């Protein structure tokens, strides 16, 4: 049985996960600066922002991989989700939207990897 993690570019996926979190932090900081009801704004903006940020960063980072595009994206999304995991242990109550947002990071990373893989396949066929 082949190792599913054999083609994972670990350093790039770790860096990509950090980039996702930095982008999300910047979005949250912007909301704190402009939103009248920050808590409600974060509950609505965080899940789609997690999906889009992890998709875009995964597509950008994974497209240089040689294989295992989706697995690279999943690892990137999981790293981004794990970077936020300590908040679940130290916060008293985490909104359900934040829990969903963590899953969307992995889904967005996988989707970004899949699109990068499809694009690489089209380039190879051409």
Protein backbone atom coordinates (compact mmCIF):
# COMPACT_ATOMS: atom_id res chain seq x y z
CA UNK A 1 0.00 0.00 0.00
CA UNK A 2 1.41 3.37 -1.00
CA UNK A 3 1.94 6.08 1.56
CA UNK A 4 -0.72 8.79 0.93
CA UNK A 5 1.59 11.41 2.45
CA UNK A 6 4.54 10.57 0.18
CA UNK A 7 4.05 13.53 -2.16
CA UNK A 8 3.23 16.11 0.51
CA UNK A 9 5.46 19.16 0.47
CA UNK A 10 5.43 19.59 4.24
CA UNK A 11 7.32 22.85 4.56
CA UNK A 12 5.19 24.55 1.91
CA UNK A 13 1.98 23.24 3.46
CA UNK A 14 3.03 24.51 6.90
CA UNK A 15 3.85 27.89 5.39
CA UNK A 16 0.53 27.87 3.51
CA UNK A 17 -1.40 27.13 6.70
CA UNK A 18 0.28 30.05 8.41
CA UNK A 19 -0.53 32.31 5.44
CA UNK A 20 -4.21 31.30 5.67
CA UNK A 21 -4.29 32.27 9.34
CA UNK A 22 -2.54 35.58 8.68
CA UNK A 23 -5.10 36.43 5.99
CA UNK A 24 -7.96 35.52 8.34
CA UNK A 25 -6.42 37.57 11.13
CA UNK A 26 -6.23 40.56 8.78
CA UNK A 27 -9.89 40.11 7.86
CA UNK A 28 -10.85 39.94 11.55
CA UNK A 29 -8.80 43.05 12.32
CA UNK A 30 -10.55 44.90 9.51
CA UNK A 31 -13.93 43.84 10.89
CA UNK A 32 -12.96 45.06 14.35
CA UNK A 33 -12.12 48.42 12.81
CA UNK A 34 -15.26 48.93 10.72
CA UNK A 35 -18.12 46.67 11.87
CA UNK A 36 -20.63 48.10 14.35
CA UNK A 37 -21.45 44.61 15.72
CA UNK A 38 -18.14 42.77 15.49
CA UNK A 39 -19.35 39.51 17.00
CA UNK A 40 -22.20 39.12 14.52
CA UNK A 41 -19.98 40.18 11.64
CA UNK A 42 -17.35 37.60 12.57
CA UNK A 43 -19.98 34.86 12.84
CA UNK A 44 -21.16 35.61 9.29
CA UNK A 45 -17.84 36.40 7.64
CA UNK A 46 -15.51 33.83 9.20
CA UNK A 47 -16.83 30.59 7.62
CA UNK A 48 -16.83 31.77 3.99
CA UNK A 49 -13.54 33.62 4.56
CA UNK A 50 -11.96 30.38 5.83
CA UNK A 51 -13.20 28.48 2.79
CA UNK A 52 -12.03 31.09 0.29
CA UNK A 53 -8.69 31.83 1.97
CA UNK A 54 -7.71 28.17 2.26
CA UNK A 55 -8.85 27.51 -1.34
CA UNK A 56 -6.82 30.39 -2.77
CA UNK A 57 -3.68 29.72 -0.71
CA UNK A 58 -3.86 25.98 -1.41
CA UNK A 59 -4.26 26.61 -5.14
CA UNK A 60 -1.31 29.00 -5.08
CA UNK A 61 1.00 26.72 -3.05
CA UNK A 62 -0.08 23.28 -4.30
CA UNK A 63 0.18 24.01 -8.02
CA UNK A 64 3.96 23.56 -7.79
CA UNK A 65 3.58 20.03 -6.43
CA UNK A 66 4.36 17.09 -8.69
CA UNK A 67 1.59 14.82 -7.36
CA UNK A 68 -0.81 14.33 -4.45
CA UNK A 69 -2.46 17.67 -5.11
CA UNK A 70 -5.58 17.03 -3.04
CA UNK A 71 -3.60 15.56 -0.15
CA UNK A 72 -1.34 18.62 -0.15
CA UNK A 73 -4.44 20.82 0.02
CA UNK A 74 -5.94 18.76 2.84
CA UNK A 75 -2.70 19.03 4.82
CA UNK A 76 -2.59 22.79 4.26
CA UNK A 77 -6.19 23.17 5.47
CA UNK A 78 -5.55 20.90 8.45
CA UNK A 79 -2.48 22.92 9.43
CA UNK A 80 -4.53 26.12 9.27
CA UNK A 81 -7.25 24.51 11.38
CA UNK A 82 -4.75 23.18 13.91
CA UNK A 83 -3.18 26.61 14.31
CA UNK A 84 -6.54 27.83 15.60
CA UNK A 85 -7.16 24.72 17.74
CA UNK A 86 -5.73 26.16 21.00
CA UNK A 87 -8.55 28.68 21.01
CA UNK A 88 -10.99 25.80 21.46
CA UNK A 89 -9.23 24.79 24.67
CA UNK A 90 -8.91 28.23 26.23
CA UNK A 91 -12.14 29.92 25.19
CA UNK A 92 -15.25 29.46 27.28
CA UNK A 93 -17.73 29.27 24.43
CA UNK A 94 -16.91 28.97 20.76
CA UNK A 95 -19.71 29.78 18.32
CA UNK A 96 -20.82 26.95 16.05
CA UNK A 97 -19.84 29.08 13.05
CA UNK A 98 -16.20 28.90 14.15
CA UNK A 99 -16.33 25.10 14.40
CA UNK A 100 -17.81 24.97 10.91
CA UNK A 101 -15.13 27.41 9.72
CA UNK A 102 -12.39 25.02 10.83
CA UNK A 103 -13.88 22.22 8.74
CA UNK A 104 -14.22 24.62 5.81
CA UNK A 105 -10.48 25.31 5.96
CA UNK A 106 -9.81 21.63 5.22
CA UNK A 107 -12.50 21.51 2.53
CA UNK A 108 -11.19 24.70 0.91
CA UNK A 109 -7.64 23.37 0.98
CA UNK A 110 -8.73 20.10 -0.64
CA UNK A 111 -10.69 21.98 -3.31
CA UNK A 112 -7.74 24.27 -4.02
CA UNK A 113 -5.51 21.22 -4.37
CA UNK A 114 -8.00 19.53 -6.68
CA UNK A 115 -8.21 22.57 -8.95
CA UNK A 116 -4.41 22.88 -8.97
CA UNK A 117 -4.17 19.20 -9.88
CA UNK A 118 -6.73 19.54 -12.66
CA UNK A 119 -4.86 22.52 -14.04
CA UNK A 120 -1.56 20.62 -13.90
CA UNK A 121 -3.20 17.73 -15.75
CA UNK A 122 -4.40 20.07 -18.48
CA UNK A 123 -0.92 21.60 -18.79
CA UNK A 124 0.65 18.15 -19.06
CA UNK A 125 -1.85 17.07 -21.74
CA UNK A 126 -1.27 20.17 -23.84
